[in-house]
Protein backbone atom coordinates (compact mmCIF):
# COMPACT_ATOMS: atom_id res chain seq x y z
CA UNK A 1 0.00 0.00 0.00
CA UNK A 2 2.87 2.31 0.80
CA UNK A 3 4.26 1.85 -2.73
CA UNK A 4 1.00 3.11 -4.25
CA UNK A 5 1.11 6.27 -2.14
CA UNK A 6 4.75 6.78 -3.15
CA UNK A 7 3.85 6.59 -6.84
CA UNK A 8 0.97 9.01 -6.36
CA UNK A 9 3.25 11.43 -4.50
CA UNK A 10 5.86 11.13 -7.25
CA UNK A 11 3.21 11.81 -9.91
CA UNK A 12 1.88 14.83 -8.04
CA UNK A 13 5.42 16.17 -7.60
CA UNK A 14 6.14 15.67 -11.32
CA UNK A 15 2.94 17.49 -12.33
CA UNK A 16 3.75 20.34 -9.94
CA UNK A 17 7.29 20.65 -11.33
CA UNK A 18 6.03 20.67 -14.93
CA UNK A 19 3.47 23.30 -14.00
CA UNK A 20 6.16 25.52 -12.50
CA UNK A 21 8.36 25.11 -15.57
CA UNK A 22 5.44 26.01 -17.86
CA UNK A 23 4.61 29.08 -15.79
CA UNK A 24 8.27 30.13 -15.87
CA UNK A 25 8.47 29.71 -19.65
CA UNK A 26 5.24 31.57 -20.31
CA UNK A 27 6.25 34.59 -18.23
CA UNK A 28 9.47 35.16 -20.15
CA UNK A 29 9.56 38.16 -22.44
CA UNK A 30 9.18 37.26 -26.09
CA UNK A 31 12.35 37.39 -28.09
CA UNK A 32 12.94 40.62 -29.97
CA UNK A 33 11.66 40.63 -33.53
CA UNK A 34 14.50 41.21 -35.92
CA UNK A 35 14.01 43.96 -38.46
CA UNK A 36 15.08 42.47 -41.77
CA UNK A 37 13.16 44.86 -44.01
CA UNK A 38 15.07 48.04 -43.21
CA UNK A 39 18.39 46.69 -44.44
CA UNK A 40 16.76 45.20 -47.53
CA UNK A 41 14.94 48.41 -48.39
CA UNK A 42 18.04 50.56 -47.97
CA UNK A 43 19.98 48.11 -50.13
CA UNK A 44 17.27 48.24 -52.78
CA UNK A 45 17.21 52.02 -52.62
CA UNK A 46 20.97 52.15 -53.02
CA UNK A 47 20.81 49.77 -55.98
CA UNK A 48 18.07 51.87 -57.56
CA UNK A 49 20.19 55.00 -57.17
CA UNK A 50 23.17 53.31 -58.80
CA UNK A 51 20.96 52.03 -61.64
CA UNK A 52 19.56 55.51 -62.18
CA UNK A 53 23.07 57.00 -62.28
CA UNK A 54 24.14 54.33 -64.80
CA UNK A 55 21.06 55.05 -66.92
CA UNK A 56 21.88 58.77 -66.90
CA UNK A 57 25.46 58.01 -68.00
CA UNK A 58 24.17 55.72 -70.76
CA UNK A 59 21.76 58.40 -71.93
CA UNK A 60 24.55 60.98 -72.04
CA UNK A 61 26.76 58.56 -73.99
CA UNK A 62 23.93 57.91 -76.44
CA UNK A 63 23.48 61.64 -76.94
CA UNK A 64 27.20 62.04 -77.64
CA UNK A 65 27.11 59.11 -80.08
CA UNK A 66 24.13 60.61 -81.87
CA UNK A 67 25.88 63.98 -82.14
CA UNK A 68 28.99 62.26 -83.50
CA UNK A 69 26.87 60.36 -86.05
CA UNK A 70 25.31 63.65 -87.18
CA UNK A 71 28.79 65.19 -87.61
CA UNK A 72 29.92 62.16 -89.65
CA UNK A 73 26.81 62.42 -91.81
CA UNK A 74 27.37 66.14 -92.35
CA UNK A 75 31.00 65.48 -93.30
CA UNK A 76 29.90 62.76 -95.72
CA UNK A 77 27.45 65.19 -97.33
CA UNK A 78 30.20 67.81 -97.70
CA UNK A 79 32.53 65.26 -99.30
CA UNK A 80 29.77 64.13 -101.62
CA UNK A 81 29.03 67.73 -102.59
CA UNK A 82 32.72 68.42 -103.25
CA UNK A 83 33.00 65.23 -105.33
CA UNK A 84 29.95 66.17 -107.40
CA UNK A 85 31.30 69.67 -107.90
CA UNK A 86 34.68 68.38 -109.07
CA UNK A 87 33.02 65.88 -111.41
CA UNK A 88 31.00 68.66 -113.07
CA UNK A 89 34.11 70.62 -113.94
PDB file of N, CA and C in Angstrom:
ATOM      1  N   UNK A   1       0.819  -1.177   0.000  1.00  0.00           N
ATOM      2  CA  UNK A   1       0.000   0.000   0.000  1.00  0.00           C
ATOM      3  C   UNK A   1       0.867   1.246   0.000  1.00  0.00           C
ATOM      4  N   UNK A   2       1.975   1.162   0.715  1.00  0.00           N
ATOM      5  CA  UNK A   2       2.872   2.306   0.801  1.00  0.00           C
ATOM      6  C   UNK A   2       3.459   2.646  -0.571  1.00  0.00           C
ATOM      7  N   UNK A   3       3.707   1.618  -1.402  1.00  0.00           N
ATOM      8  CA  UNK A   3       4.257   1.847  -2.731  1.00  0.00           C
ATOM      9  C   UNK A   3       3.302   2.637  -3.612  1.00  0.00           C
ATOM     10  N   UNK A   4       2.003   2.392  -3.460  1.00  0.00           N
ATOM     11  CA  UNK A   4       1.004   3.106  -4.250  1.00  0.00           C
ATOM     12  C   UNK A   4       1.016   4.574  -3.877  1.00  0.00           C
ATOM     13  N   UNK A   5       1.076   4.874  -2.581  1.00  0.00           N
ATOM     14  CA  UNK A   5       1.108   6.271  -2.145  1.00  0.00           C
ATOM     15  C   UNK A   5       2.392   6.962  -2.615  1.00  0.00           C
ATOM     16  N   UNK A   6       3.484   6.220  -2.664  1.00  0.00           N
ATOM     17  CA  UNK A   6       4.754   6.784  -3.151  1.00  0.00           C
ATOM     18  C   UNK A   6       4.666   7.166  -4.616  1.00  0.00           C
ATOM     19  N   UNK A   7       4.019   6.298  -5.408  1.00  0.00           N
ATOM     20  CA  UNK A   7       3.854   6.593  -6.836  1.00  0.00           C
ATOM     21  C   UNK A   7       2.928   7.794  -7.037  1.00  0.00           C
ATOM     22  N   UNK A   8       1.896   7.870  -6.262  1.00  0.00           N
ATOM     23  CA  UNK A   8       0.974   9.013  -6.362  1.00  0.00           C
ATOM     24  C   UNK A   8       1.704  10.300  -5.985  1.00  0.00           C
ATOM     25  N   UNK A   9       2.495  10.240  -4.933  1.00  0.00           N
ATOM     26  CA  UNK A   9       3.251  11.425  -4.500  1.00  0.00           C
ATOM     27  C   UNK A   9       4.254  11.832  -5.574  1.00  0.00           C
ATOM     28  N   UNK A  10       4.905  10.837  -6.183  1.00  0.00           N
ATOM     29  CA  UNK A  10       5.865  11.133  -7.254  1.00  0.00           C
ATOM     30  C   UNK A  10       5.147  11.765  -8.448  1.00  0.00           C
ATOM     31  N   UNK A  11       3.979  11.246  -8.795  1.00  0.00           N
ATOM     32  CA  UNK A  11       3.208  11.809  -9.908  1.00  0.00           C
ATOM     33  C   UNK A  11       2.768  13.228  -9.632  1.00  0.00           C
ATOM     34  N   UNK A  12       2.309  13.481  -8.405  1.00  0.00           N
ATOM     35  CA  UNK A  12       1.885  14.831  -8.044  1.00  0.00           C
ATOM     36  C   UNK A  12       3.064  15.783  -8.080  1.00  0.00           C
ATOM     37  N   UNK A  13       4.223  15.332  -7.579  1.00  0.00           N
ATOM     38  CA  UNK A  13       5.418  16.167  -7.599  1.00  0.00           C
ATOM     39  C   UNK A  13       5.833  16.478  -9.038  1.00  0.00           C
ATOM     40  N   UNK A  14       5.763  15.461  -9.912  1.00  0.00           N
ATOM     41  CA  UNK A  14       6.140  15.669 -11.317  1.00  0.00           C
ATOM     42  C   UNK A  14       5.206  16.667 -11.979  1.00  0.00           C
ATOM     43  N   UNK A  15       3.910  16.556 -11.739  1.00  0.00           N
ATOM     44  CA  UNK A  15       2.941  17.491 -12.328  1.00  0.00           C
ATOM     45  C   UNK A  15       3.198  18.899 -11.807  1.00  0.00           C
ATOM     46  N   UNK A  16       3.486  19.028 -10.514  1.00  0.00           N
ATOM     47  CA  UNK A  16       3.752  20.342  -9.941  1.00  0.00           C
ATOM     48  C   UNK A  16       5.006  20.955 -10.547  1.00  0.00           C
ATOM     49  N   UNK A  17       6.044  20.145 -10.735  1.00  0.00           N
ATOM     50  CA  UNK A  17       7.290  20.652 -11.331  1.00  0.00           C
ATOM     51  C   UNK A  17       7.050  21.099 -12.783  1.00  0.00           C
ATOM     52  N   UNK A  18       6.330  20.291 -13.555  1.00  0.00           N
ATOM     53  CA  UNK A  18       6.032  20.671 -14.934  1.00  0.00           C
ATOM     54  C   UNK A  18       5.205  21.951 -14.987  1.00  0.00           C
ATOM     55  N   UNK A  19       4.264  22.086 -14.062  1.00  0.00           N
ATOM     56  CA  UNK A  19       3.468  23.302 -14.000  1.00  0.00           C
ATOM     57  C   UNK A  19       4.319  24.522 -13.714  1.00  0.00           C
ATOM     58  N   UNK A  20       5.284  24.394 -12.821  1.00  0.00           N
ATOM     59  CA  UNK A  20       6.161  25.524 -12.499  1.00  0.00           C
ATOM     60  C   UNK A  20       7.051  25.872 -13.687  1.00  0.00           C
ATOM     61  N   UNK A  21       7.533  24.863 -14.392  1.00  0.00           N
ATOM     62  CA  UNK A  21       8.363  25.114 -15.575  1.00  0.00           C
ATOM     63  C   UNK A  21       7.536  25.819 -16.648  1.00  0.00           C
ATOM     64  N   UNK A  22       6.306  25.364 -16.861  1.00  0.00           N
ATOM     65  CA  UNK A  22       5.439  26.011 -17.861  1.00  0.00           C
ATOM     66  C   UNK A  22       5.144  27.450 -17.485  1.00  0.00           C
ATOM     67  N   UNK A  23       4.877  27.707 -16.215  1.00  0.00           N
ATOM     68  CA  UNK A  23       4.614  29.083 -15.789  1.00  0.00           C
ATOM     69  C   UNK A  23       5.854  29.936 -15.991  1.00  0.00           C
ATOM     70  N   UNK A  24       7.020  29.394 -15.683  1.00  0.00           N
ATOM     71  CA  UNK A  24       8.266  30.133 -15.873  1.00  0.00           C
ATOM     72  C   UNK A  24       8.528  30.441 -17.332  1.00  0.00           C
ATOM     73  N   UNK A  25       8.248  29.502 -18.218  1.00  0.00           N
ATOM     74  CA  UNK A  25       8.470  29.714 -19.651  1.00  0.00           C
ATOM     75  C   UNK A  25       7.473  30.713 -20.226  1.00  0.00           C
ATOM     76  N   UNK A  26       6.246  30.679 -19.732  1.00  0.00           N
ATOM     77  CA  UNK A  26       5.241  31.565 -20.313  1.00  0.00           C
ATOM     78  C   UNK A  26       5.400  33.002 -19.832  1.00  0.00           C
ATOM     79  N   UNK A  27       6.082  33.225 -18.713  1.00  0.00           N
ATOM     80  CA  UNK A  27       6.249  34.592 -18.227  1.00  0.00           C
ATOM     81  C   UNK A  27       7.481  35.265 -18.792  1.00  0.00           C
ATOM     82  N   UNK A  28       8.289  34.536 -19.547  1.00  0.00           N
ATOM     83  CA  UNK A  28       9.472  35.164 -20.148  1.00  0.00           C
ATOM     84  C   UNK A  28       9.034  36.142 -21.232  1.00  0.00           C
ATOM     85  N   UNK A  29       9.843  37.182 -21.391  1.00  0.00           N
ATOM     86  CA  UNK A  29       9.559  38.156 -22.438  1.00  0.00           C
ATOM     87  C   UNK A  29       9.785  37.492 -23.796  1.00  0.00           C
ATOM     88  N   UNK A  30       8.959  37.821 -24.762  1.00  0.00           N
ATOM     89  CA  UNK A  30       9.178  37.259 -26.091  1.00  0.00           C
ATOM     90  C   UNK A  30      10.495  37.777 -26.668  1.00  0.00           C
ATOM     91  N   UNK A  31      11.094  36.967 -27.485  1.00  0.00           N
ATOM     92  CA  UNK A  31      12.355  37.393 -28.091  1.00  0.00           C
ATOM     93  C   UNK A  31      12.097  38.573 -29.019  1.00  0.00           C
ATOM     94  N   UNK A  32      13.080  39.412 -29.149  1.00  0.00           N
ATOM     95  CA  UNK A  32      12.935  40.623 -29.965  1.00  0.00           C
ATOM     96  C   UNK A  32      12.802  40.245 -31.433  1.00  0.00           C
ATOM     97  N   UNK A  33      11.874  40.877 -32.109  1.00  0.00           N
ATOM     98  CA  UNK A  33      11.664  40.629 -33.526  1.00  0.00           C
ATOM     99  C   UNK A  33      12.754  41.352 -34.294  1.00  0.00           C
ATOM    100  N   UNK A  34      13.431  40.603 -35.134  1.00  0.00           N
ATOM    101  CA  UNK A  34      14.501  41.212 -35.919  1.00  0.00           C
ATOM    102  C   UNK A  34      13.926  41.963 -37.100  1.00  0.00           C
ATOM    103  N   UNK A  35      14.460  43.127 -37.340  1.00  0.00           N
ATOM    104  CA  UNK A  35      14.014  43.955 -38.458  1.00  0.00           C
ATOM    105  C   UNK A  35      14.877  43.626 -39.664  1.00  0.00           C
ATOM    106  N   UNK A  36      14.318  42.847 -40.566  1.00  0.00           N
ATOM    107  CA  UNK A  36      15.077  42.472 -41.770  1.00  0.00           C
ATOM    108  C   UNK A  36      14.708  43.335 -42.968  1.00  0.00           C
ATOM    109  N   UNK A  37      13.617  44.079 -42.869  1.00  0.00           N
ATOM    110  CA  UNK A  37      13.165  44.858 -44.013  1.00  0.00           C
ATOM    111  C   UNK A  37      13.925  46.155 -44.185  1.00  0.00           C
ATOM    112  N   UNK A  38      14.385  46.753 -43.095  1.00  0.00           N
ATOM    113  CA  UNK A  38      15.066  48.038 -43.206  1.00  0.00           C
ATOM    114  C   UNK A  38      16.349  47.904 -44.016  1.00  0.00           C
ATOM    115  N   UNK A  39      17.141  46.894 -43.699  1.00  0.00           N
ATOM    116  CA  UNK A  39      18.390  46.690 -44.444  1.00  0.00           C
ATOM    117  C   UNK A  39      18.101  46.374 -45.908  1.00  0.00           C
ATOM    118  N   UNK A  40      17.100  45.550 -46.150  1.00  0.00           N
ATOM    119  CA  UNK A  40      16.763  45.196 -47.531  1.00  0.00           C
ATOM    120  C   UNK A  40      16.259  46.407 -48.306  1.00  0.00           C
ATOM    121  N   UNK A  41      15.459  47.244 -47.668  1.00  0.00           N
ATOM    122  CA  UNK A  41      14.939  48.410 -48.385  1.00  0.00           C
ATOM    123  C   UNK A  41      16.028  49.433 -48.657  1.00  0.00           C
ATOM    124  N   UNK A  42      16.951  49.608 -47.717  1.00  0.00           N
ATOM    125  CA  UNK A  42      18.037  50.557 -47.974  1.00  0.00           C
ATOM    126  C   UNK A  42      18.968  50.024 -49.051  1.00  0.00           C
ATOM    127  N   UNK A  43      19.163  48.705 -49.074  1.00  0.00           N
ATOM    128  CA  UNK A  43      19.981  48.109 -50.134  1.00  0.00           C
ATOM    129  C   UNK A  43      19.308  48.273 -51.491  1.00  0.00           C
ATOM    130  N   UNK A  44      18.004  48.069 -51.528  1.00  0.00           N
ATOM    131  CA  UNK A  44      17.269  48.237 -52.783  1.00  0.00           C
ATOM    132  C   UNK A  44      17.292  49.693 -53.234  1.00  0.00           C
ATOM    133  N   UNK A  45      17.170  50.599 -52.283  1.00  0.00           N
ATOM    134  CA  UNK A  45      17.207  52.020 -52.620  1.00  0.00           C
ATOM    135  C   UNK A  45      18.578  52.402 -53.168  1.00  0.00           C
ATOM    136  N   UNK A  46      19.611  51.877 -52.550  1.00  0.00           N
ATOM    137  CA  UNK A  46      20.970  52.151 -53.018  1.00  0.00           C
ATOM    138  C   UNK A  46      21.182  51.584 -54.421  1.00  0.00           C
ATOM    139  N   UNK A  47      20.686  50.378 -54.650  1.00  0.00           N
ATOM    140  CA  UNK A  47      20.807  49.770 -55.979  1.00  0.00           C
ATOM    141  C   UNK A  47      20.037  50.574 -57.016  1.00  0.00           C
ATOM    142  N   UNK A  48      18.862  51.058 -56.635  1.00  0.00           N
ATOM    143  CA  UNK A  48      18.074  51.866 -57.564  1.00  0.00           C
ATOM    144  C   UNK A  48      18.787  53.165 -57.905  1.00  0.00           C
ATOM    145  N   UNK A  49      19.439  53.765 -56.919  1.00  0.00           N
ATOM    146  CA  UNK A  49      20.186  55.002 -57.175  1.00  0.00           C
ATOM    147  C   UNK A  49      21.349  54.751 -58.126  1.00  0.00           C
ATOM    148  N   UNK A  50      22.064  53.637 -57.897  1.00  0.00           N
ATOM    149  CA  UNK A  50      23.173  53.311 -58.802  1.00  0.00           C
ATOM    150  C   UNK A  50      22.668  53.016 -60.210  1.00  0.00           C
ATOM    151  N   UNK A  51      21.532  52.334 -60.316  1.00  0.00           N
ATOM    152  CA  UNK A  51      20.965  52.033 -61.636  1.00  0.00           C
ATOM    153  C   UNK A  51      20.537  53.310 -62.346  1.00  0.00           C
ATOM    154  N   UNK A  52      19.974  54.235 -61.584  1.00  0.00           N
ATOM    155  CA  UNK A  52      19.563  55.513 -62.184  1.00  0.00           C
ATOM    156  C   UNK A  52      20.778  56.297 -62.663  1.00  0.00           C
ATOM    157  N   UNK A  53      21.855  56.298 -61.876  1.00  0.00           N
ATOM    158  CA  UNK A  53      23.074  56.996 -62.283  1.00  0.00           C
ATOM    159  C   UNK A  53      23.654  56.357 -63.547  1.00  0.00           C
ATOM    160  N   UNK A  54      23.631  55.025 -63.606  1.00  0.00           N
ATOM    161  CA  UNK A  54      24.137  54.329 -64.798  1.00  0.00           C
ATOM    162  C   UNK A  54      23.269  54.641 -66.011  1.00  0.00           C
ATOM    163  N   UNK A  55      21.950  54.721 -65.803  1.00  0.00           N
ATOM    164  CA  UNK A  55      21.056  55.054 -66.918  1.00  0.00           C
ATOM    165  C   UNK A  55      21.317  56.468 -67.413  1.00  0.00           C
ATOM    166  N   UNK A  56      21.570  57.389 -66.500  1.00  0.00           N
ATOM    167  CA  UNK A  56      21.882  58.769 -66.903  1.00  0.00           C
ATOM    168  C   UNK A  56      23.182  58.818 -67.701  1.00  0.00           C
ATOM    169  N   UNK A  57      24.195  58.050 -67.261  1.00  0.00           N
ATOM    170  CA  UNK A  57      25.464  58.011 -68.003  1.00  0.00           C
ATOM    171  C   UNK A  57      25.255  57.414 -69.389  1.00  0.00           C
ATOM    172  N   UNK A  58      24.436  56.349 -69.466  1.00  0.00           N
ATOM    173  CA  UNK A  58      24.173  55.718 -70.762  1.00  0.00           C
ATOM    174  C   UNK A  58      23.431  56.677 -71.688  1.00  0.00           C
ATOM    175  N   UNK A  59      22.499  57.425 -71.121  1.00  0.00           N
ATOM    176  CA  UNK A  59      21.763  58.401 -71.931  1.00  0.00           C
ATOM    177  C   UNK A  59      22.685  59.496 -72.453  1.00  0.00           C
ATOM    178  N   UNK A  60      23.595  59.957 -71.604  1.00  0.00           N
ATOM    179  CA  UNK A  60      24.554  60.979 -72.035  1.00  0.00           C
ATOM    180  C   UNK A  60      25.467  60.431 -73.130  1.00  0.00           C
ATOM    181  N   UNK A  61      25.901  59.177 -72.974  1.00  0.00           N
ATOM    182  CA  UNK A  61      26.762  58.561 -73.991  1.00  0.00           C
ATOM    183  C   UNK A  61      26.001  58.403 -75.306  1.00  0.00           C
ATOM    184  N   UNK A  62      24.732  58.041 -75.226  1.00  0.00           N
ATOM    185  CA  UNK A  62      23.926  57.906 -76.444  1.00  0.00           C
ATOM    186  C   UNK A  62      23.760  59.250 -77.134  1.00  0.00           C
ATOM    187  N   UNK A  63      23.589  60.303 -76.354  1.00  0.00           N
ATOM    188  CA  UNK A  63      23.477  61.641 -76.941  1.00  0.00           C
ATOM    189  C   UNK A  63      24.772  62.032 -77.650  1.00  0.00           C
ATOM    190  N   UNK A  64      25.912  61.730 -77.004  1.00  0.00           N
ATOM    191  CA  UNK A  64      27.202  62.045 -77.644  1.00  0.00           C
ATOM    192  C   UNK A  64      27.394  61.232 -78.913  1.00  0.00           C
ATOM    193  N   UNK A  65      26.979  59.946 -78.882  1.00  0.00           N
ATOM    194  CA  UNK A  65      27.112  59.106 -80.076  1.00  0.00           C
ATOM    195  C   UNK A  65      26.220  59.616 -81.195  1.00  0.00           C
ATOM    196  N   UNK A  66      25.027  60.070 -80.858  1.00  0.00           N
ATOM    197  CA  UNK A  66      24.128  60.615 -81.866  1.00  0.00           C
ATOM    198  C   UNK A  66      24.694  61.894 -82.478  1.00  0.00           C
ATOM    199  N   UNK A  67      25.274  62.744 -81.634  1.00  0.00           N
ATOM    200  CA  UNK A  67      25.883  63.983 -82.139  1.00  0.00           C
ATOM    201  C   UNK A  67      27.059  63.655 -83.052  1.00  0.00           C
ATOM    202  N   UNK A  68      27.848  62.657 -82.671  1.00  0.00           N
ATOM    203  CA  UNK A  68      28.989  62.257 -83.504  1.00  0.00           C
ATOM    204  C   UNK A  68      28.503  61.699 -84.841  1.00  0.00           C
ATOM    205  N   UNK A  69      27.416  60.914 -84.811  1.00  0.00           N
ATOM    206  CA  UNK A  69      26.873  60.363 -86.053  1.00  0.00           C
ATOM    207  C   UNK A  69      26.369  61.483 -86.963  1.00  0.00           C
ATOM    208  N   UNK A  70      25.770  62.511 -86.382  1.00  0.00           N
ATOM    209  CA  UNK A  70      25.309  63.648 -87.183  1.00  0.00           C
ATOM    210  C   UNK A  70      26.489  64.383 -87.801  1.00  0.00           C
ATOM    211  N   UNK A  71      27.597  64.520 -87.046  1.00  0.00           N
ATOM    212  CA  UNK A  71      28.786  65.186 -87.605  1.00  0.00           C
ATOM    213  C   UNK A  71      29.374  64.363 -88.750  1.00  0.00           C
ATOM    214  N   UNK A  72      29.397  63.034 -88.580  1.00  0.00           N
ATOM    215  CA  UNK A  72      29.916  62.165 -89.651  1.00  0.00           C
ATOM    216  C   UNK A  72      29.032  62.271 -90.880  1.00  0.00           C
ATOM    217  N   UNK A  73      27.725  62.293 -90.680  1.00  0.00           N
ATOM    218  CA  UNK A  73      26.806  62.423 -91.808  1.00  0.00           C
ATOM    219  C   UNK A  73      26.977  63.761 -92.512  1.00  0.00           C
ATOM    220  N   UNK A  74      27.154  64.821 -91.752  1.00  0.00           N
ATOM    221  CA  UNK A  74      27.369  66.140 -92.355  1.00  0.00           C
ATOM    222  C   UNK A  74      28.680  66.161 -93.141  1.00  0.00           C
ATOM    223  N   UNK A  75      29.723  65.538 -92.584  1.00  0.00           N
ATOM    224  CA  UNK A  75      31.004  65.475 -93.295  1.00  0.00           C
ATOM    225  C   UNK A  75      30.861  64.678 -94.583  1.00  0.00           C
ATOM    226  N   UNK A  76      30.111  63.577 -94.514  1.00  0.00           N
ATOM    227  CA  UNK A  76      29.904  62.763 -95.721  1.00  0.00           C
ATOM    228  C   UNK A  76      29.150  63.558 -96.779  1.00  0.00           C
ATOM    229  N   UNK A  77      28.187  64.356 -96.373  1.00  0.00           N
ATOM    230  CA  UNK A  77      27.452  65.190 -97.330  1.00  0.00           C
ATOM    231  C   UNK A  77      28.363  66.243 -97.958  1.00  0.00           C
ATOM    232  N   UNK A  78      29.263  66.821 -97.138  1.00  0.00           N
ATOM    233  CA  UNK A  78      30.198  67.810 -97.703  1.00  0.00           C
ATOM    234  C   UNK A  78      31.142  67.154 -98.705  1.00  0.00           C
ATOM    235  N   UNK A  79      31.620  65.965 -98.381  1.00  0.00           N
ATOM    236  CA  UNK A  79      32.527  65.263 -99.299  1.00  0.00           C
ATOM    237  C   UNK A  79      31.787  64.906-100.590  1.00  0.00           C
ATOM    238  N   UNK A  80      30.557  64.461-100.442  1.00  0.00           N
ATOM    239  CA  UNK A  80      29.769  64.131-101.624  1.00  0.00           C
ATOM    240  C   UNK A  80      29.533  65.371-102.484  1.00  0.00           C
ATOM    241  N   UNK A  81      29.247  66.487-101.840  1.00  0.00           N
ATOM    242  CA  UNK A  81      29.033  67.734-102.593  1.00  0.00           C
ATOM    243  C   UNK A  81      30.314  68.153-103.298  1.00  0.00           C
ATOM    244  N   UNK A  82      31.448  68.044-102.605  1.00  0.00           N
ATOM    245  CA  UNK A  82      32.723  68.415-103.251  1.00  0.00           C
ATOM    246  C   UNK A  82      33.033  67.472-104.408  1.00  0.00           C
ATOM    247  N   UNK A  83      32.736  66.200-104.258  1.00  0.00           N
ATOM    248  CA  UNK A  83      32.998  65.235-105.328  1.00  0.00           C
ATOM    249  C   UNK A  83      32.122  65.533-106.533  1.00  0.00           C
ATOM    250  N   UNK A  84      30.870  65.829-106.295  1.00  0.00           N
ATOM    251  CA  UNK A  84      29.950  66.167-107.401  1.00  0.00           C
ATOM    252  C   UNK A  84      30.397  67.436-108.111  1.00  0.00           C
ATOM    253  N   UNK A  85      30.854  68.403-107.332  1.00  0.00           N
ATOM    254  CA  UNK A  85      31.304  69.668-107.900  1.00  0.00           C
ATOM    255  C   UNK A  85      32.544  69.470-108.766  1.00  0.00           C
ATOM    256  N   UNK A  86      33.452  68.614-108.278  1.00  0.00           N
ATOM    257  CA  UNK A  86      34.677  68.381-109.069  1.00  0.00           C
ATOM    258  C   UNK A  86      34.379  67.534-110.289  1.00  0.00           C
ATOM    259  N   UNK A  87      33.366  66.691-110.231  1.00  0.00           N
ATOM    260  CA  UNK A  87      33.016  65.882-111.406  1.00  0.00           C
ATOM    261  C   UNK A  87      32.340  66.737-112.495  1.00  0.00           C
ATOM    262  N   UNK A  88      31.683  67.802-112.096  1.00  0.00           N
ATOM    263  CA  UNK A  88      30.999  68.655-113.068  1.00  0.00           C
ATOM    264  C   UNK A  88      32.009  69.536-113.813  1.00  0.00           C
ATOM    265  N   UNK A  89      33.128  69.769-113.269  1.00  0.00           N
ATOM    266  CA  UNK A  89      34.108  70.622-113.939  1.00  0.00           C
ATOM    267  C   UNK A  89      34.754  69.996-115.099  1.00  0.00           C
TER     268      UNK A  89
END
